[in-house]
């Protein structure tokens, strides 16, 4: 909580205005972490990706590997269990990939650390 007032000066002296109080309540920037898949996991078919992002309003999953370089593969849905995205791994060739999340809120965005996994379909 802060208080502000003005002070005016002229040739005969100075005067103060009444004080006005206000509260600053900034929203912290988002944070995010990939929960599923775990590092080193092997994925096949359709699987859920899951992330924690407690103060986010939107979470996107970004894939790197093969011909993909931080390509958005989907936007998560907030649920009781986290930020879930139902991903069909058959849309990419078998191989090693990394996934990370990007979380957004009104104050900005943040990236999670990447998690490496293997696709075997």
Foldseek 3Di string as FASTA:
>chain_A
DDKDWDWDADPVGIDIDDIDDDDDDDQDWKDKAWDPPAAAAEDAFKDKTFMAIPRFPWKWKFKDDDPGDRHTPDIFDQDPRGTIDTDGLVVDDWDKMWMWMWGGDPVGIDIYDIGIYTYDD
